[in-house]
Amino acid sequence: MRMENNHKLEDEVGTEYDFSKKKGGVRGKYVERYRTGTNVVLLDPDVAQAFPTSDSVNEALRLLIQISQRQKV
């Protein structure tokens, strides 16, 4: 036996979440702090397959830095 669900689905967020009536909020307050502390790089699929983790990418780049510094001397 199936129970009937009489609850209406609402498309809108409840009134307790109406942030337009709240005071003191600032949109984008921390955006600059976030940008300075974040460095996101998108890898091409073939590179991502070779270096699947951020640790593997960092290790490979550090080795490349060491090689390039030795070549300069």
N, C-alpha and C. Protein backbone atom coordinates (compact mmCIF):
# COMPACT_ATOMS: atom_id res chain seq x y z
N MET A 1 0.85 -1.17 0.00
CA MET A 1 0.00 0.00 0.00
C MET A 1 0.90 1.23 0.00
N ARG A 2 0.60 2.13 -0.88
CA ARG A 2 1.41 3.33 -1.03
C ARG A 2 0.78 4.51 -0.30
N MET A 3 1.60 5.23 0.47
CA MET A 3 1.08 6.40 1.18
C MET A 3 1.13 7.62 0.28
N GLU A 4 0.14 8.43 0.36
CA GLU A 4 0.10 9.66 -0.45
C GLU A 4 0.94 10.74 0.20
N ASN A 5 1.67 11.47 -0.63
CA ASN A 5 2.50 12.56 -0.15
C ASN A 5 1.80 13.87 -0.49
N ASN A 6 1.31 14.55 0.51
CA ASN A 6 0.57 15.79 0.29
C ASN A 6 1.43 17.03 0.40
N HIS A 7 2.74 16.85 0.59
CA HIS A 7 3.63 17.99 0.71
C HIS A 7 3.87 18.61 -0.65
N LYS A 8 3.77 19.92 -0.71
CA LYS A 8 4.05 20.63 -1.95
C LYS A 8 5.53 20.93 -2.02
N LEU A 9 6.10 20.73 -3.18
CA LEU A 9 7.49 21.11 -3.39
C LEU A 9 7.53 22.59 -3.74
N GLU A 10 8.37 23.31 -3.05
CA GLU A 10 8.48 24.74 -3.30
C GLU A 10 9.76 25.02 -4.05
N ASP A 11 9.68 25.87 -5.05
CA ASP A 11 10.85 26.25 -5.82
C ASP A 11 11.68 27.30 -5.11
N GLU A 12 11.10 27.96 -4.16
CA GLU A 12 11.78 29.06 -3.49
C GLU A 12 12.33 28.60 -2.14
N VAL A 13 13.38 29.25 -1.73
CA VAL A 13 13.98 28.98 -0.43
C VAL A 13 13.05 29.57 0.63
N GLY A 14 12.99 28.93 1.77
CA GLY A 14 12.12 29.39 2.84
C GLY A 14 12.43 30.81 3.30
N THR A 15 11.48 31.43 3.93
CA THR A 15 11.63 32.82 4.37
C THR A 15 12.75 32.98 5.40
N GLU A 16 13.06 31.92 6.13
CA GLU A 16 14.13 32.03 7.11
C GLU A 16 15.49 32.19 6.44
N TYR A 17 15.55 31.94 5.13
CA TYR A 17 16.79 32.10 4.37
C TYR A 17 16.76 33.31 3.44
N ASP A 18 15.90 34.24 3.71
CA ASP A 18 15.81 35.45 2.88
C ASP A 18 16.90 36.42 3.31
N PHE A 19 18.04 36.36 2.63
CA PHE A 19 19.19 37.17 3.00
C PHE A 19 19.06 38.63 2.60
N SER A 20 18.07 38.96 1.79
CA SER A 20 17.89 40.36 1.40
C SER A 20 17.45 41.21 2.59
N LYS A 21 16.89 40.58 3.61
CA LYS A 21 16.44 41.32 4.79
C LYS A 21 17.51 41.39 5.87
N LYS A 22 18.60 40.65 5.68
CA LYS A 22 19.68 40.67 6.66
C LYS A 22 20.56 41.88 6.42
N LYS A 23 21.11 42.43 7.48
CA LYS A 23 21.97 43.61 7.36
C LYS A 23 23.40 43.23 7.71
N GLY A 24 24.35 43.92 7.10
CA GLY A 24 25.74 43.75 7.45
C GLY A 24 26.51 42.80 6.55
N GLY A 25 25.83 42.07 5.69
CA GLY A 25 26.51 41.14 4.80
C GLY A 25 27.15 41.89 3.63
N VAL A 26 28.32 41.46 3.24
CA VAL A 26 29.03 42.09 2.13
C VAL A 26 29.36 41.01 1.12
N ARG A 27 28.87 41.19 -0.09
CA ARG A 27 29.13 40.21 -1.14
C ARG A 27 30.60 40.31 -1.58
N GLY A 28 31.26 39.17 -1.67
CA GLY A 28 32.65 39.14 -2.12
C GLY A 28 33.65 39.66 -1.11
N LYS A 29 33.30 39.62 0.14
CA LYS A 29 34.14 40.17 1.20
C LYS A 29 35.53 39.54 1.23
N TYR A 30 35.62 38.26 0.97
CA TYR A 30 36.89 37.55 1.08
C TYR A 30 37.47 37.13 -0.27
N VAL A 31 36.95 37.67 -1.36
CA VAL A 31 37.36 37.20 -2.68
C VAL A 31 38.84 37.48 -2.96
N GLU A 32 39.35 38.61 -2.56
CA GLU A 32 40.77 38.92 -2.81
C GLU A 32 41.68 38.01 -1.98
N ARG A 33 41.32 37.76 -0.74
CA ARG A 33 42.11 36.86 0.10
C ARG A 33 42.11 35.46 -0.50
N TYR A 34 40.99 35.04 -1.03
CA TYR A 34 40.89 33.73 -1.66
C TYR A 34 41.77 33.65 -2.90
N ARG A 35 41.72 34.68 -3.73
CA ARG A 35 42.50 34.68 -4.96
C ARG A 35 44.00 34.65 -4.70
N THR A 36 44.46 35.36 -3.69
CA THR A 36 45.89 35.39 -3.42
C THR A 36 46.38 34.07 -2.84
N GLY A 37 45.52 33.33 -2.18
CA GLY A 37 45.91 32.07 -1.57
C GLY A 37 45.61 30.85 -2.42
N THR A 38 45.10 31.06 -3.63
CA THR A 38 44.70 29.95 -4.47
C THR A 38 45.41 30.03 -5.81
N ASN A 39 45.92 28.90 -6.25
CA ASN A 39 46.56 28.84 -7.55
C ASN A 39 46.07 27.57 -8.24
N VAL A 40 45.09 27.71 -9.08
CA VAL A 40 44.50 26.57 -9.77
C VAL A 40 45.03 26.54 -11.19
N VAL A 41 45.52 25.39 -11.60
CA VAL A 41 46.03 25.20 -12.95
C VAL A 41 45.30 24.02 -13.57
N LEU A 42 44.77 24.21 -14.76
CA LEU A 42 44.09 23.12 -15.46
C LEU A 42 45.08 22.40 -16.35
N LEU A 43 45.13 21.09 -16.20
CA LEU A 43 46.04 20.28 -16.99
C LEU A 43 45.30 19.67 -18.18
N ASP A 44 46.01 19.53 -19.28
CA ASP A 44 45.45 18.81 -20.42
C ASP A 44 45.30 17.35 -20.03
N PRO A 45 44.36 16.65 -20.64
CA PRO A 45 44.09 15.26 -20.23
C PRO A 45 45.31 14.34 -20.27
N ASP A 46 46.18 14.50 -21.28
CA ASP A 46 47.36 13.63 -21.36
C ASP A 46 48.34 13.90 -20.22
N VAL A 47 48.47 15.15 -19.82
CA VAL A 47 49.35 15.51 -18.71
C VAL A 47 48.73 15.03 -17.40
N ALA A 48 47.44 15.19 -17.24
CA ALA A 48 46.76 14.74 -16.02
C ALA A 48 46.85 13.23 -15.87
N GLN A 49 46.90 12.52 -16.98
CA GLN A 49 47.03 11.06 -16.90
C GLN A 49 48.43 10.68 -16.41
N ALA A 50 49.43 11.43 -16.84
CA ALA A 50 50.80 11.15 -16.42
C ALA A 50 51.06 11.59 -14.98
N PHE A 51 50.39 12.64 -14.55
CA PHE A 51 50.56 13.19 -13.20
C PHE A 51 49.19 13.33 -12.55
N PRO A 52 48.66 12.25 -11.97
CA PRO A 52 47.29 12.25 -11.49
C PRO A 52 47.05 13.00 -10.18
N THR A 53 48.13 13.32 -9.42
CA THR A 53 47.93 14.00 -8.15
C THR A 53 48.73 15.30 -8.12
N SER A 54 48.35 16.19 -7.24
CA SER A 54 49.09 17.45 -7.12
C SER A 54 50.51 17.19 -6.62
N ASP A 55 50.68 16.17 -5.80
CA ASP A 55 52.04 15.83 -5.33
C ASP A 55 52.93 15.40 -6.49
N SER A 56 52.40 14.61 -7.40
CA SER A 56 53.21 14.17 -8.54
C SER A 56 53.56 15.33 -9.47
N VAL A 57 52.64 16.26 -9.64
CA VAL A 57 52.92 17.45 -10.45
C VAL A 57 54.00 18.29 -9.78
N ASN A 58 53.87 18.52 -8.49
CA ASN A 58 54.87 19.32 -7.76
C ASN A 58 56.24 18.68 -7.80
N GLU A 59 56.30 17.37 -7.64
CA GLU A 59 57.59 16.68 -7.67
C GLU A 59 58.25 16.83 -9.04
N ALA A 60 57.48 16.65 -10.10
CA ALA A 60 58.03 16.77 -11.45
C ALA A 60 58.51 18.20 -11.72
N LEU A 61 57.76 19.18 -11.28
CA LEU A 61 58.16 20.57 -11.51
C LEU A 61 59.40 20.93 -10.70
N ARG A 62 59.51 20.41 -9.49
CA ARG A 62 60.71 20.67 -8.68
C ARG A 62 61.95 20.06 -9.34
N LEU A 63 61.79 18.85 -9.90
CA LEU A 63 62.91 18.24 -10.61
C LEU A 63 63.30 19.07 -11.84
N LEU A 64 62.32 19.58 -12.53
CA LEU A 64 62.58 20.43 -13.70
C LEU A 64 63.31 21.70 -13.29
N ILE A 65 62.93 22.28 -12.18
CA ILE A 65 63.61 23.47 -11.66
C ILE A 65 65.07 23.16 -11.35
N GLN A 66 65.31 22.03 -10.69
CA GLN A 66 66.68 21.63 -10.36
C GLN A 66 67.52 21.43 -11.62
N ILE A 67 66.95 20.79 -12.62
CA ILE A 67 67.67 20.56 -13.88
C ILE A 67 68.01 21.88 -14.55
N SER A 68 67.05 22.78 -14.59
CA SER A 68 67.28 24.05 -15.27
C SER A 68 68.32 24.89 -14.52
N GLN A 69 68.35 24.80 -13.19
CA GLN A 69 69.36 25.54 -12.42
C GLN A 69 70.75 24.96 -12.62
N ARG A 70 70.86 23.67 -12.77
CA ARG A 70 72.16 23.04 -13.05
C ARG A 70 72.68 23.40 -14.44
N GLN A 71 71.77 23.56 -15.38
CA GLN A 71 72.15 23.88 -16.74
C GLN A 71 72.71 25.30 -16.84
N LYS A 72 72.25 26.18 -15.97
CA LYS A 72 72.69 27.57 -15.99
C LYS A 72 74.14 27.73 -15.53
N VAL A 73 74.59 26.83 -14.67
CA VAL A 73 75.94 26.93 -14.08
C VAL A 73 77.00 26.52 -15.04
